Amino acid sequence: LAFKPYTIKQVGGVRVAVLGQAFPYTPIANPQRFIPDWTFGIQEERMQKIVNRVREQEQPDLVVVLSHNGMDVDLKMAAQVSGIDVIFGGHTHDGVPAPSVVPNRGGRTLVTNAGSNGKFLGVMDLDVGEGKLRDFRYRLVPVFSNMLPADAEMQAYIDQVRAPYRTMLEEQLAVAGETLYRRGNFNGTFDQVICDALRQVNDAQVSLSPGFRWGTTVLPGQAITMDHVMDQTCITYPETYRREMKGSEIKAILEDVSDNLFNVDPYFQQGGDMVRVGGLDYTCAPNQSFGKRISDMTLDDGTLVEADKSYMVSGWATVGAQSPGRPIWEVVADYLRDKKEIKLEKLNTPRLVGVADNPGLAD
């Protein structure tokens, strides 16, 4: 192991063992060139051995795990590994109002996830006695950051770090003609802006953009600054590409990402949302098996996408070989400067089938 897998803390007179679980899919979801000598994964046996060792050698009153697995992966791990009292999870950004109580051979494990971007504070009060967890109370507390005074020391540090880039970040590129947001299982309006920018600036028929779950919202009438663009795109592999793809290759990409989302085994779910598309519509059947979820792909003009025909595609954030194009934020900034006001002509949204029993969705 690269780091010590746990630490011991005294909290309220209680001896707490805190274990860490890194994101298991790091070399798959991110370029492996950044971490060539590191391995990651879900290793139930190793986790169980560490929990057992901590219980035996450290004699904690409570064992908690800080996890970057994602909610569904944490739920499965909690059922497979015994001896963990609470998993405080992350990665999938789920604002879960109450812990899931997962039974396992050692008793039970509480699994939580408190959203993202500081929008919530997960507060768990634990009743611990005689070396074990007896009861709990959990609250998902909303955080209204604009109403809270900033920590003076932290604000000063942020101002210092931002100072060399302030002029660039504060540039007003365009005005939002509607709400521009990121989150949605299949799309978001800011994602559509990114996709439209890729198509226009790079002269492509179809665009692809990752289904990231981070980024803050721009309200109607608000100026879209470079800061907003960076907030939606700032990663360490931002390079864009423009190349021809067969229709079959486009379908394969959509099938691969949808399997990451909808595979029945949580250990095959890497988190995130569906790849965003521009200039393309399709039908998705989430409950089907791999290779059978995506159908009826058409271009914006209604033309059916053919498997053996080539199409010009633009995208970014490739995790294999580094793409040759400009960073995505430069492409989006150019597009916004040209448009000046952003009102979407179309939100590329797939038609979902087989989801009539899913609350909020229908055939």
Protein backbone atom coordinates (compact mmCIF):
# COMPACT_ATOMS: atom_id res chain seq x y z
CA LEU A 1 0.00 0.00 0.00
CA ALA A 2 1.23 3.49 -0.86
CA PHE A 3 -0.13 5.02 2.34
CA LYS A 4 -1.14 3.85 5.78
CA PRO A 5 -4.72 2.68 5.27
CA TYR A 6 -6.16 4.05 8.50
CA THR A 7 -5.74 6.49 11.36
CA ILE A 8 -7.04 6.54 14.93
CA LYS A 9 -8.84 9.57 16.32
CA GLN A 10 -10.39 10.39 19.67
CA VAL A 11 -13.79 11.99 19.07
CA GLY A 12 -15.97 12.88 22.03
CA GLY A 13 -14.16 10.36 24.19
CA VAL A 14 -14.70 7.62 21.61
CA ARG A 15 -11.82 5.79 19.92
CA VAL A 16 -12.55 5.91 16.19
CA ALA A 17 -10.68 4.10 13.42
CA VAL A 18 -10.92 5.96 10.10
CA LEU A 19 -10.09 3.92 6.99
CA GLY A 20 -9.60 5.36 3.50
CA GLN A 21 -10.85 3.92 0.21
CA ALA A 22 -9.51 5.56 -2.96
CA PHE A 23 -11.43 5.67 -6.24
CA PRO A 24 -10.97 2.11 -7.56
CA TYR A 25 -11.34 2.98 -11.25
CA THR A 26 -8.73 5.73 -11.42
CA PRO A 27 -6.64 4.11 -14.24
CA ILE A 28 -9.80 3.51 -16.31
CA ALA A 29 -11.66 6.77 -15.81
CA ASN A 30 -8.49 8.90 -16.07
CA PRO A 31 -5.38 8.78 -18.26
CA GLN A 32 -3.09 6.07 -16.96
CA ARG A 33 -0.09 8.11 -18.09
CA PHE A 34 -0.62 10.26 -15.01
CA ILE A 35 -0.27 7.30 -12.62
CA PRO A 36 1.87 4.73 -14.51
CA ASP A 37 3.20 2.98 -11.41
CA TRP A 38 0.00 2.88 -9.35
CA THR A 39 -2.72 0.25 -9.15
CA PHE A 40 -6.25 0.71 -7.87
CA GLY A 41 -9.25 -1.54 -7.42
CA ILE A 42 -12.01 -2.94 -5.28
CA GLN A 43 -10.27 -5.44 -3.05
CA GLU A 44 -12.80 -6.88 -0.63
CA GLU A 45 -10.39 -9.42 0.88
CA ARG A 46 -7.75 -6.78 1.60
CA MET A 47 -10.36 -4.43 3.07
CA GLN A 48 -11.68 -7.24 5.28
CA LYS A 49 -8.17 -8.09 6.49
CA ILE A 50 -7.46 -4.44 7.33
CA VAL A 51 -10.76 -4.08 9.20
CA ASN A 52 -10.05 -7.28 11.13
CA ARG A 53 -6.51 -6.15 11.96
CA VAL A 54 -7.68 -2.72 13.10
CA ARG A 55 -10.37 -4.28 15.27
CA GLU A 56 -7.90 -6.69 16.87
CA GLN A 57 -4.85 -4.45 17.26
CA GLU A 58 -6.33 -0.99 17.82
CA GLN A 59 -9.46 -1.95 19.77
CA PRO A 60 -11.56 0.94 18.41
CA ASP A 61 -15.07 1.71 19.61
CA LEU A 62 -16.07 2.60 16.05
CA VAL A 63 -14.80 1.84 12.54
CA VAL A 64 -15.70 4.25 9.73
CA VAL A 65 -14.60 4.37 6.09
CA LEU A 66 -14.11 7.53 4.03
CA SER A 67 -14.82 6.26 0.54
CA HIS A 68 -14.55 7.54 -3.02
CA ASN A 69 -16.21 4.43 -4.44
CA GLY A 70 -19.61 5.89 -5.28
CA MET A 71 -22.93 5.11 -3.60
CA ASP A 72 -23.83 1.86 -5.37
CA VAL A 73 -20.32 0.44 -5.00
CA ASP A 74 -20.32 1.34 -1.30
CA LEU A 75 -23.64 -0.43 -0.83
CA LYS A 76 -22.26 -3.64 -2.32
CA MET A 77 -18.99 -3.40 -0.39
CA ALA A 78 -20.93 -2.84 2.83
CA ALA A 79 -22.79 -6.10 2.22
CA GLN A 80 -19.58 -8.03 1.52
CA VAL A 81 -17.22 -6.65 4.20
CA SER A 82 -18.16 -6.93 7.87
CA GLY A 83 -16.92 -4.90 10.81
CA ILE A 84 -17.44 -1.42 9.31
CA ASP A 85 -19.90 0.71 11.25
CA VAL A 86 -20.31 3.63 8.84
CA ILE A 87 -19.24 4.44 5.27
CA PHE A 88 -19.12 8.16 4.48
CA GLY A 89 -19.12 8.06 0.70
CA GLY A 90 -18.46 10.35 -2.22
CA HIS A 91 -17.72 10.39 -5.97
CA THR A 92 -21.28 9.96 -7.29
CA HIS A 93 -22.46 13.23 -5.68
CA ASP A 94 -25.72 11.75 -4.40
CA GLY A 95 -27.52 13.90 -1.85
CA VAL A 96 -28.97 11.05 0.22
CA PRO A 97 -31.30 12.26 3.02
CA ALA A 98 -30.97 9.13 5.17
CA PRO A 99 -28.32 6.42 5.52
CA SER A 100 -28.88 3.06 3.89
CA VAL A 101 -28.70 0.32 6.52
CA VAL A 102 -26.93 -2.63 4.91
CA PRO A 103 -27.00 -6.03 6.64
CA ASN A 104 -23.92 -8.24 6.49
CA ARG A 105 -22.55 -11.28 8.27
CA GLY A 106 -21.14 -9.12 11.07
CA GLY A 107 -24.28 -7.08 11.70
CA ARG A 108 -24.96 -3.89 9.76
CA THR A 109 -23.18 -0.97 8.08
CA LEU A 110 -24.58 2.52 7.52
CA VAL A 111 -23.86 4.01 4.08
CA THR A 112 -24.21 7.74 3.38
CA ASN A 113 -23.46 10.24 0.61
CA ALA A 114 -23.80 13.99 1.18
CA GLY A 115 -23.91 15.42 -2.33
CA SER A 116 -21.22 17.68 -3.78
CA ASN A 117 -19.88 21.21 -4.13
CA GLY A 118 -20.50 21.98 -0.45
CA LYS A 119 -24.26 22.05 -1.02
CA PHE A 120 -24.92 19.85 2.01
CA LEU A 121 -23.29 18.90 5.26
CA GLY A 122 -23.92 15.35 6.37
CA VAL A 123 -24.25 15.33 10.15
CA MET A 124 -24.30 11.97 11.91
CA ASP A 125 -24.68 11.67 15.67
CA LEU A 126 -23.63 8.26 16.95
CA ASP A 127 -24.50 6.59 20.23
CA VAL A 128 -21.48 4.45 21.05
CA GLY A 129 -21.16 2.37 24.17
CA GLU A 130 -19.46 -0.81 25.31
CA GLY A 131 -17.26 -0.72 22.25
CA LYS A 132 -20.02 -0.75 19.68
CA LEU A 133 -22.49 1.42 17.78
CA ARG A 134 -25.87 1.36 19.51
CA ASP A 135 -27.89 4.00 17.66
CA PHE A 136 -27.56 6.91 15.25
CA ARG A 137 -29.21 10.09 14.01
CA TYR A 138 -28.47 11.58 10.60
CA ARG A 139 -29.29 14.92 9.02
CA LEU A 140 -28.49 16.23 5.56
CA VAL A 141 -28.11 19.95 6.28
CA PRO A 142 -28.38 22.39 3.33
CA VAL A 143 -25.55 24.93 3.13
CA PHE A 144 -26.47 28.44 1.93
CA SER A 145 -22.92 29.61 1.32
CA ASN A 146 -23.87 33.14 0.24
CA MET A 147 -25.36 33.72 3.68
CA LEU A 148 -22.29 32.52 5.58
CA PRO A 149 -19.28 34.77 6.26
CA ALA A 150 -16.09 33.54 4.64
CA ASP A 151 -13.23 32.35 6.80
CA ALA A 152 -10.86 35.31 6.67
CA GLU A 153 -7.65 33.29 6.47
CA MET A 154 -8.97 30.96 3.78
CA GLN A 155 -10.43 33.83 1.74
CA ALA A 156 -7.10 35.64 1.85
CA TYR A 157 -5.35 32.51 0.59
CA ILE A 158 -7.87 32.05 -2.23
CA ASP A 159 -7.49 35.70 -3.26
CA GLN A 160 -3.71 35.30 -3.33
CA VAL A 161 -3.85 32.17 -5.50
CA ARG A 162 -6.39 33.70 -7.91
CA ALA A 163 -4.65 37.08 -8.23
CA PRO A 164 -2.43 36.23 -11.26
CA TYR A 165 -5.47 34.88 -13.14
CA ARG A 166 -8.16 37.32 -12.02
CA THR A 167 -8.30 39.34 -15.24
CA MET A 168 -8.64 36.21 -17.35
CA LEU A 169 -11.22 34.59 -15.06
CA GLU A 170 -13.41 37.68 -14.81
CA GLU A 171 -13.72 38.19 -18.58
CA GLN A 172 -17.40 38.30 -19.53
CA LEU A 173 -17.77 36.08 -22.59
CA ALA A 174 -21.55 36.07 -23.14
CA VAL A 175 -24.88 36.35 -21.34
CA ALA A 176 -27.02 33.36 -20.37
CA GLY A 177 -30.42 33.49 -22.05
CA GLU A 178 -31.60 30.57 -19.92
CA THR A 179 -30.48 28.53 -16.93
CA LEU A 180 -27.23 26.72 -17.69
CA TYR A 181 -26.74 23.69 -15.46
CA ARG A 182 -24.64 20.54 -15.47
CA ARG A 183 -26.45 17.71 -13.69
CA GLY A 184 -28.77 15.31 -15.46
CA ASN A 185 -28.36 11.62 -16.11
CA PHE A 186 -28.32 12.17 -19.87
CA ASN A 187 -27.74 15.87 -20.47
CA GLY A 188 -27.49 19.36 -19.04
CA THR A 189 -27.86 22.77 -20.64
CA PHE A 190 -24.25 23.79 -19.97
CA ASP A 191 -23.17 20.45 -21.40
CA GLN A 192 -25.17 21.30 -24.51
CA VAL A 193 -23.29 24.60 -24.78
CA ILE A 194 -20.01 22.66 -24.68
CA CYS A 195 -21.27 20.23 -27.32
CA ASP A 196 -22.52 23.05 -29.55
CA ALA A 197 -19.16 24.80 -29.19
CA LEU A 198 -17.29 21.68 -30.27
CA ARG A 199 -19.49 21.28 -33.33
CA GLN A 200 -19.32 24.90 -34.45
CA VAL A 201 -15.70 25.75 -33.69
CA ASN A 202 -14.34 22.41 -34.90
CA ASP A 203 -16.79 22.03 -37.81
CA ALA A 204 -18.17 18.63 -36.77
CA GLN A 205 -21.44 16.81 -37.35
CA VAL A 206 -21.46 15.18 -33.91
CA SER A 207 -19.85 16.11 -30.61
CA LEU A 208 -19.17 14.08 -27.48
CA SER A 209 -18.59 15.45 -23.98
CA PRO A 210 -18.03 13.58 -20.69
CA GLY A 211 -20.90 13.12 -18.24
CA PHE A 212 -19.20 14.93 -15.39
CA ARG A 213 -21.23 15.64 -12.25
CA TRP A 214 -19.53 18.84 -11.14
CA GLY A 215 -19.91 22.48 -12.11
CA THR A 216 -22.12 25.29 -10.86
CA THR A 217 -25.19 26.85 -12.48
CA VAL A 218 -25.43 30.13 -14.39
CA LEU A 219 -28.80 31.89 -14.09
CA PRO A 220 -30.74 33.64 -16.89
CA GLY A 221 -29.41 37.14 -17.52
CA GLN A 222 -26.16 36.41 -15.72
CA ALA A 223 -22.85 37.07 -17.45
CA ILE A 224 -20.98 33.90 -18.40
CA THR A 225 -17.39 34.48 -17.37
CA MET A 226 -14.23 32.56 -18.10
CA ASP A 227 -14.45 31.49 -14.46
CA HIS A 228 -17.75 29.74 -15.25
CA VAL A 229 -16.21 28.00 -18.25
CA MET A 230 -13.25 26.78 -16.21
CA ASP A 231 -15.66 25.63 -13.50
CA GLN A 232 -17.25 23.30 -16.07
CA THR A 233 -14.15 22.13 -17.95
CA CYS A 234 -11.00 22.44 -15.84
CA ILE A 235 -9.39 19.00 -15.84
CA THR A 236 -5.84 17.80 -16.44
CA TYR A 237 -6.62 16.22 -19.82
CA PRO A 238 -8.67 18.97 -21.54
CA GLU A 239 -7.38 18.53 -25.08
CA THR A 240 -9.94 18.36 -27.89
CA TYR A 241 -10.03 16.25 -31.03
CA ARG A 242 -11.71 16.23 -34.44
CA ARG A 243 -11.74 13.00 -36.40
CA GLU A 244 -13.88 10.73 -38.49
CA MET A 245 -15.76 7.91 -36.79
CA LYS A 246 -17.91 5.17 -38.22
CA GLY A 247 -21.49 5.07 -37.02
CA SER A 248 -20.67 1.74 -35.38
CA GLU A 249 -17.87 3.40 -33.40
CA ILE A 250 -20.18 6.14 -32.13
CA LYS A 251 -22.67 3.48 -31.03
CA ALA A 252 -19.91 1.51 -29.31
CA ILE A 253 -18.96 4.59 -27.27
CA LEU A 254 -22.56 5.14 -26.19
CA GLU A 255 -22.97 1.46 -25.34
CA ASP A 256 -19.78 1.42 -23.27
CA VAL A 257 -20.74 4.47 -21.20
CA SER A 258 -24.33 3.31 -20.71
CA ASP A 259 -23.04 -0.02 -19.39
CA ASN A 260 -20.94 1.90 -16.91
CA LEU A 261 -24.15 3.56 -15.74
CA PHE A 262 -26.67 0.74 -15.87
CA ASN A 263 -24.77 -2.51 -15.32
CA VAL A 264 -26.68 -4.54 -12.73
CA ASP A 265 -23.44 -5.23 -10.83
CA PRO A 266 -22.38 -2.07 -8.94
CA TYR A 267 -18.74 -3.11 -9.20
CA PHE A 268 -18.95 -2.41 -12.94
CA GLN A 269 -20.31 1.10 -12.37
CA GLN A 270 -17.63 3.79 -12.44
CA GLY A 271 -19.93 6.69 -11.58
CA GLY A 272 -20.68 9.80 -13.57
CA ASP A 273 -23.49 10.36 -16.06
CA MET A 274 -24.10 9.43 -19.68
CA VAL A 275 -21.77 10.90 -22.29
CA ARG A 276 -23.30 14.10 -23.63
CA VAL A 277 -23.94 14.38 -27.35
CA GLY A 278 -24.37 17.25 -29.77
CA GLY A 279 -26.03 16.91 -33.16
CA LEU A 280 -27.20 13.40 -32.31
CA ASP A 281 -30.38 11.82 -30.96
CA TYR A 282 -30.85 8.18 -29.97
CA THR A 283 -33.01 5.74 -28.03
CA CYS A 284 -31.71 4.21 -24.81
CA ALA A 285 -33.06 1.13 -23.03
CA PRO A 286 -31.27 1.19 -19.65
CA ASN A 287 -32.55 -2.23 -18.56
CA GLN A 288 -31.17 -4.08 -21.57
CA SER A 289 -27.81 -5.87 -21.58
CA PHE A 290 -24.51 -4.59 -22.93
CA GLY A 291 -24.63 -3.85 -26.64
CA LYS A 292 -28.43 -3.71 -26.76
CA ARG A 293 -29.18 -0.42 -25.02
CA ILE A 294 -28.59 2.07 -27.84
CA SER A 295 -30.65 2.25 -31.04
CA ASP A 296 -32.25 4.64 -33.54
CA MET A 297 -29.32 7.05 -33.74
CA THR A 298 -30.13 10.06 -35.93
CA LEU A 299 -28.46 13.36 -36.74
CA ASP A 300 -30.22 16.62 -35.89
CA ASP A 301 -31.76 16.76 -39.36
CA GLY A 302 -33.34 13.33 -38.87
CA THR A 303 -30.84 11.41 -41.01
CA LEU A 304 -30.33 7.89 -39.69
CA VAL A 305 -26.77 7.18 -38.55
CA GLU A 306 -25.44 4.21 -40.54
CA ALA A 307 -22.99 1.75 -39.02
CA ASP A 308 -20.57 1.73 -41.97
CA LYS A 309 -20.75 5.43 -42.80
CA SER A 310 -18.17 7.94 -41.52
CA TYR A 311 -19.07 11.08 -39.57
CA MET A 312 -16.95 14.00 -38.39
CA VAL A 313 -16.88 13.94 -34.59
CA SER A 314 -15.36 16.38 -32.10
CA GLY A 315 -14.83 15.75 -28.41
CA TRP A 316 -12.45 16.13 -25.49
CA ALA A 317 -11.12 14.48 -22.31
CA THR A 318 -9.81 11.29 -23.91
CA VAL A 319 -8.34 8.86 -21.39
CA GLY A 320 -6.19 6.96 -23.88
CA ALA A 321 -3.67 8.75 -26.05
CA GLN A 322 -3.50 12.51 -25.55
CA SER A 323 -5.66 14.36 -28.09
CA PRO A 324 -3.93 16.92 -30.34
CA GLY A 325 -6.38 19.83 -30.15
CA ARG A 326 -6.71 22.97 -28.05
CA PRO A 327 -7.98 22.81 -24.44
CA ILE A 328 -11.76 22.65 -24.32
CA TRP A 329 -12.03 25.91 -22.37
CA GLU A 330 -10.45 27.81 -25.27
CA VAL A 331 -12.94 26.28 -27.70
CA VAL A 332 -15.93 27.11 -25.49
CA ALA A 333 -14.66 30.64 -24.82
CA ASP A 334 -14.35 31.34 -28.56
CA TYR A 335 -17.89 30.06 -29.10
CA LEU A 336 -19.33 32.22 -26.32
CA ARG A 337 -17.55 35.35 -27.53
CA ASP A 338 -19.02 34.78 -30.96
CA LYS A 339 -22.58 34.08 -29.74
CA LYS A 340 -22.76 36.82 -27.08
CA GLU A 341 -26.13 35.52 -25.81
CA ILE A 342 -26.77 31.84 -25.20
CA LYS A 343 -30.19 30.39 -25.97
CA LEU A 344 -30.15 26.73 -26.89
CA GLU A 345 -31.70 25.81 -30.20
CA LYS A 346 -31.98 22.18 -29.14
CA LEU A 347 -31.20 20.00 -26.13
CA ASN A 348 -30.09 16.62 -27.46
CA THR A 349 -32.07 14.24 -25.27
CA PRO A 350 -32.36 10.48 -25.77
CA ARG A 351 -35.70 8.72 -25.84
CA LEU A 352 -35.84 6.27 -22.92
CA VAL A 353 -37.69 2.97 -23.14
CA GLY A 354 -38.44 0.29 -20.58
CA VAL A 355 -38.42 2.70 -17.66
CA ALA A 356 -42.14 3.05 -16.95
CA ASP A 357 -41.61 1.78 -13.40
CA ASN A 358 -38.93 4.39 -12.70
CA PRO A 359 -40.40 7.36 -10.77
CA GLY A 360 -40.38 10.48 -12.91
CA LEU A 361 -39.78 8.66 -16.18
CA ALA A 362 -42.10 6.98 -18.66
CA ASP A 363 -41.99 5.28 -22.06
